[in-house]
Amino acid sequence: MTPPSVSFLDCLPHTPRVQLTRQCEAVELNLAEVLSESGTPLSHVYFPVDAFLSLVVKVDAHPALEVGMVGREGMLGSEIALGKVSTPFRTLVQGAGACLRMQANDFRTQLDHSPDLQTVCHSYLLVRLHQVARAAACERFHPIGPRLARWLLMSQDRAHSTTFHMTHEFIALMLGVRRVGVTVAAGALQRSGVIEYHRGQLTVLDRTALAAQACSCYEADKASHLNLMGPSHPEPA
């Protein structure tokens, strides 16, 4: 399995990374837990370890739509680097697991004293801008099947496992399509031996075949992250 590019925290040099993580607390995030609401001030910032998050937006009376995903390669709350205390997204826990959490005010103080942290946050905000823009184009131009394959690859990357909890109803909500469309597309993947789905547990059986069926947005997202965030900083000798 290919990991989701470089960890956000690993993009920091050793000293600012240690200073940042010392002020974090380890927490366990629960499936479907809401971490932020659009326009509401953030009380904490989050650095997923093996949990992963969905960034969703809601327009008028329409169901919410996922426009981004955050795993260990990113963070929730990078908007603070722009002087903003709120996020434009509603953030849901898509994959339960471990996460580092930090008070938003403490994170702001770290930003004020760390040019390295400012640089990494600005780079990550650009990564997410690319991700959101590509998600909009993907929804408009790509069929459900390739979009589903891309979304499953993204989820597997962040789950660090071939098996993770997922329902057709939740996938339909994230992709902004009817549940029957997901059922048909997932059924085709299951019949061809690419995935297995049973009682909310989805297993990727053939990642190579899944990647072959995904739309080009999956590789484009990975390339954007690697190009903009750069290589990680090694530990000091």
Protein backbone atom coordinates (compact mmCIF):
# COMPACT_ATOMS: atom_id res chain seq x y z
CA MET A 1 0.00 0.00 0.00
CA THR A 2 1.27 3.49 -0.86
CA PRO A 3 1.21 5.87 2.13
CA PRO A 4 -0.40 9.31 1.69
CA SER A 5 2.76 11.22 0.77
CA VAL A 6 4.61 12.85 3.67
CA SER A 7 3.32 13.34 7.21
CA PHE A 8 2.50 16.98 8.02
CA LEU A 9 4.57 16.93 11.20
CA ASP A 10 7.52 15.28 9.44
CA CYS A 11 7.69 18.30 7.11
CA LEU A 12 8.89 20.37 10.07
CA PRO A 13 12.55 20.50 11.13
CA HIS A 14 13.30 18.60 14.33
CA THR A 15 13.26 21.47 16.85
CA PRO A 16 9.94 23.12 15.88
CA ARG A 17 8.37 19.68 15.53
CA VAL A 18 9.37 18.74 19.08
CA GLN A 19 8.17 22.10 20.40
CA LEU A 20 4.83 21.64 18.69
CA THR A 21 4.18 18.05 19.74
CA ARG A 22 5.06 18.79 23.36
CA GLN A 23 1.95 20.94 23.56
CA CYS A 24 -0.28 18.30 21.98
CA GLU A 25 -2.37 15.70 23.74
CA ALA A 26 -3.12 12.27 22.31
CA VAL A 27 -6.83 11.61 21.78
CA GLU A 28 -8.93 8.89 20.17
CA LEU A 29 -11.42 10.11 17.58
CA ASN A 30 -14.73 8.28 17.12
CA LEU A 31 -16.43 7.47 13.82
CA ALA A 32 -18.76 10.28 12.65
CA GLU A 33 -17.61 12.62 15.44
CA VAL A 34 -17.94 16.29 14.43
CA LEU A 35 -14.73 18.27 14.99
CA SER A 36 -15.70 21.59 13.45
CA GLU A 37 -18.66 23.47 12.01
CA SER A 38 -18.42 25.92 9.14
CA GLY A 39 -17.91 29.46 10.38
CA THR A 40 -17.52 28.44 14.03
CA PRO A 41 -14.29 29.38 15.83
CA LEU A 42 -11.93 26.45 16.33
CA SER A 43 -11.13 25.48 19.89
CA HIS A 44 -8.44 22.96 18.84
CA VAL A 45 -6.30 21.99 15.89
CA TYR A 46 -5.86 18.31 15.01
CA PHE A 47 -3.01 16.25 13.58
CA PRO A 48 -4.35 12.79 12.64
CA VAL A 49 -2.09 9.82 13.35
CA ASP A 50 -4.17 6.94 12.01
CA ALA A 51 -7.58 8.60 12.11
CA PHE A 52 -8.79 10.46 9.02
CA LEU A 53 -11.29 13.25 8.48
CA SER A 54 -13.79 14.37 5.84
CA LEU A 55 -14.17 18.04 4.98
CA VAL A 56 -17.74 18.65 3.81
CA VAL A 57 -19.75 21.66 2.65
CA LYS A 58 -23.49 22.20 2.55
CA VAL A 59 -25.28 24.44 0.07
CA ASP A 60 -28.87 25.48 0.74
CA ALA A 61 -31.05 22.45 1.45
CA HIS A 62 -28.86 20.00 -0.46
CA PRO A 63 -27.06 17.13 1.34
CA ALA A 64 -23.50 17.82 2.45
CA LEU A 65 -20.73 17.01 -0.05
CA GLU A 66 -17.16 15.98 0.68
CA VAL A 67 -14.57 18.32 -0.85
CA GLY A 68 -11.47 17.09 0.94
CA MET A 69 -9.95 14.41 3.14
CA VAL A 70 -7.36 14.79 5.90
CA GLY A 71 -5.11 12.05 7.24
CA ARG A 72 -1.61 12.05 8.67
CA GLU A 73 -0.44 14.07 5.66
CA GLY A 74 -2.43 17.09 6.83
CA MET A 75 -4.06 18.87 9.74
CA LEU A 76 -7.31 20.52 10.71
CA GLY A 77 -6.95 24.18 11.60
CA SER A 78 -4.27 25.41 9.21
CA GLU A 79 -6.49 28.44 8.48
CA ILE A 80 -5.13 29.94 11.69
CA ALA A 81 -1.92 30.62 9.76
CA LEU A 82 -3.96 33.13 7.71
CA GLY A 83 -5.28 34.83 10.83
CA LYS A 84 -8.61 33.01 10.66
CA VAL A 85 -10.14 31.39 13.74
CA SER A 86 -12.73 29.33 11.88
CA THR A 87 -12.83 26.85 9.02
CA PRO A 88 -15.19 26.94 6.02
CA PHE A 89 -15.83 23.20 6.38
CA ARG A 90 -17.84 20.91 8.57
CA THR A 91 -15.35 18.25 9.62
CA LEU A 92 -16.41 14.67 10.35
CA VAL A 93 -14.32 11.74 11.52
CA GLN A 94 -14.42 9.32 8.60
CA GLY A 95 -11.96 6.83 10.09
CA ALA A 96 -11.72 6.39 13.86
CA GLY A 97 -8.29 6.31 15.45
CA ALA A 98 -5.48 8.19 17.14
CA CYS A 99 -4.88 11.90 16.75
CA LEU A 100 -2.80 14.68 18.32
CA ARG A 101 -4.83 17.66 19.49
CA MET A 102 -3.67 21.12 20.52
CA GLN A 103 -5.40 24.23 21.83
CA ALA A 104 -5.97 26.69 18.98
CA ASN A 105 -4.50 29.56 21.02
CA ASP A 106 -1.34 27.55 21.73
CA PHE A 107 -1.02 26.74 18.03
CA ARG A 108 -1.34 30.43 17.18
CA THR A 109 1.47 31.21 19.61
CA GLN A 110 3.67 28.54 17.99
CA LEU A 111 2.97 30.10 14.59
CA ASP A 112 4.00 33.52 15.85
CA HIS A 113 7.40 32.18 16.87
CA SER A 114 8.10 29.62 14.14
CA PRO A 115 8.69 30.68 10.51
CA ASP A 116 9.13 26.98 9.65
CA LEU A 117 5.63 26.18 10.92
CA GLN A 118 4.22 29.15 9.01
CA THR A 119 5.84 27.89 5.80
CA VAL A 120 4.52 24.34 6.20
CA CYS A 121 1.01 25.59 7.00
CA HIS A 122 0.96 27.87 3.97
CA SER A 123 2.14 25.02 1.75
CA TYR A 124 -0.53 22.72 3.14
CA LEU A 125 -3.23 25.34 2.60
CA LEU A 126 -2.18 25.44 -1.05
CA VAL A 127 -2.34 21.64 -1.21
CA ARG A 128 -5.87 21.75 0.13
CA LEU A 129 -6.85 24.47 -2.32
CA HIS A 130 -5.73 22.17 -5.14
CA GLN A 131 -7.64 19.29 -3.56
CA VAL A 132 -10.89 21.26 -3.25
CA ALA A 133 -10.63 22.62 -6.81
CA ARG A 134 -9.95 19.15 -8.20
CA ALA A 135 -12.85 17.67 -6.20
CA ALA A 136 -15.24 20.13 -7.85
CA ALA A 137 -14.00 19.25 -11.34
CA CYS A 138 -14.00 15.53 -10.54
CA GLU A 139 -17.63 15.61 -9.45
CA ARG A 140 -18.60 17.43 -12.63
CA PHE A 141 -16.72 15.38 -15.22
CA HIS A 142 -15.96 11.88 -13.90
CA PRO A 143 -18.44 8.98 -13.64
CA ILE A 144 -19.36 7.38 -10.31
CA GLY A 145 -17.22 4.25 -10.83
CA PRO A 146 -13.83 5.98 -11.23
CA ARG A 147 -14.72 8.48 -8.50
CA LEU A 148 -15.58 5.65 -6.13
CA ALA A 149 -12.29 3.88 -6.90
CA ARG A 150 -10.38 7.10 -6.24
CA TRP A 151 -12.22 7.69 -2.97
CA LEU A 152 -11.57 4.13 -1.76
CA LEU A 153 -7.85 4.51 -2.52
CA MET A 154 -7.75 7.78 -0.57
CA SER A 155 -9.53 6.14 2.36
CA GLN A 156 -7.25 3.10 2.35
CA ASP A 157 -4.16 5.30 2.29
CA ARG A 158 -5.29 7.10 5.41
CA ALA A 159 -6.66 4.02 7.18
CA HIS A 160 -3.26 2.25 6.80
CA SER A 161 -5.18 -0.99 6.35
CA THR A 162 -6.79 -3.03 3.61
CA THR A 163 -9.99 -3.23 5.69
CA PHE A 164 -11.95 -0.28 7.06
CA HIS A 165 -15.50 0.54 8.13
CA MET A 166 -17.66 2.08 5.40
CA THR A 167 -21.34 2.05 4.43
CA HIS A 168 -22.91 2.65 1.03
CA GLU A 169 -25.01 5.41 2.59
CA PHE A 170 -21.93 7.25 3.85
CA ILE A 171 -20.07 6.85 0.54
CA ALA A 172 -23.10 8.23 -1.33
CA LEU A 173 -23.15 11.24 1.00
CA MET A 174 -19.44 11.90 0.52
CA LEU A 175 -19.61 11.58 -3.28
CA GLY A 176 -22.85 13.55 -3.59
CA VAL A 177 -24.68 10.78 -5.46
CA ARG A 178 -27.68 8.55 -4.85
CA ARG A 179 -27.09 5.42 -2.80
CA VAL A 180 -28.24 3.20 -5.68
CA GLY A 181 -25.39 4.58 -7.80
CA VAL A 182 -22.84 3.58 -5.17
CA THR A 183 -24.44 0.15 -4.82
CA VAL A 184 -24.14 -0.48 -8.57
CA ALA A 185 -20.53 0.78 -8.78
CA ALA A 186 -19.42 -1.07 -5.64
CA GLY A 187 -21.18 -4.22 -6.83
CA ALA A 188 -19.17 -4.13 -10.06
CA LEU A 189 -15.92 -3.82 -8.10
CA GLN A 190 -16.92 -6.69 -5.83
CA ARG A 191 -17.91 -9.00 -8.69
CA SER A 192 -14.56 -8.39 -10.38
CA GLY A 193 -12.71 -9.32 -7.18
CA VAL A 194 -11.32 -5.84 -6.50
CA ILE A 195 -13.10 -5.28 -3.17
CA GLU A 196 -15.15 -7.22 -0.67
CA TYR A 197 -17.98 -5.66 1.32
CA HIS A 198 -19.80 -7.25 4.22
CA ARG A 199 -21.88 -5.59 6.95
CA GLY A 200 -20.16 -2.23 6.80
CA GLN A 201 -16.61 -3.63 6.49
CA LEU A 202 -14.92 -2.94 3.17
CA THR A 203 -11.75 -4.81 2.18
CA VAL A 204 -9.53 -3.87 -0.76
CA LEU A 205 -8.51 -7.19 -2.30
CA ASP A 206 -6.63 -5.92 -5.36
CA ARG A 207 -5.20 -2.42 -4.97
CA THR A 208 -3.51 -2.47 -8.38
CA ALA A 209 -6.81 -3.17 -10.12
CA LEU A 210 -8.56 -0.53 -7.99
CA ALA A 211 -5.94 2.06 -8.96
CA ALA A 212 -6.36 1.13 -12.63
CA GLN A 213 -10.07 1.95 -12.38
CA ALA A 214 -9.65 5.22 -10.46
CA CYS A 215 -9.87 8.57 -12.20
CA SER A 216 -6.70 10.60 -12.77
CA CYS A 217 -7.50 12.89 -9.80
CA TYR A 218 -6.04 10.36 -7.34
CA GLU A 219 -2.51 10.53 -8.75
CA ALA A 220 -2.84 14.28 -9.34
CA ASP A 221 -3.69 14.86 -5.66
CA LYS A 222 -0.70 12.80 -4.52
CA ALA A 223 1.63 14.65 -6.89
CA SER A 224 0.37 18.04 -5.67
CA HIS A 225 1.04 17.10 -2.06
CA LEU A 226 4.53 15.79 -2.74
CA ASN A 227 5.49 18.75 -4.93
CA LEU A 228 4.19 21.40 -2.54
CA MET A 229 5.08 19.89 0.83
CA GLY A 230 8.46 18.50 -0.20
CA PRO A 231 10.50 15.77 1.48
CA SER A 232 10.36 15.15 5.21
CA HIS A 233 13.15 16.27 7.56
CA PRO A 234 15.30 13.42 8.89
CA GLU A 235 15.90 13.02 12.61
CA PRO A 236 19.18 14.51 13.86
CA ALA A 237 22.06 12.07 14.14
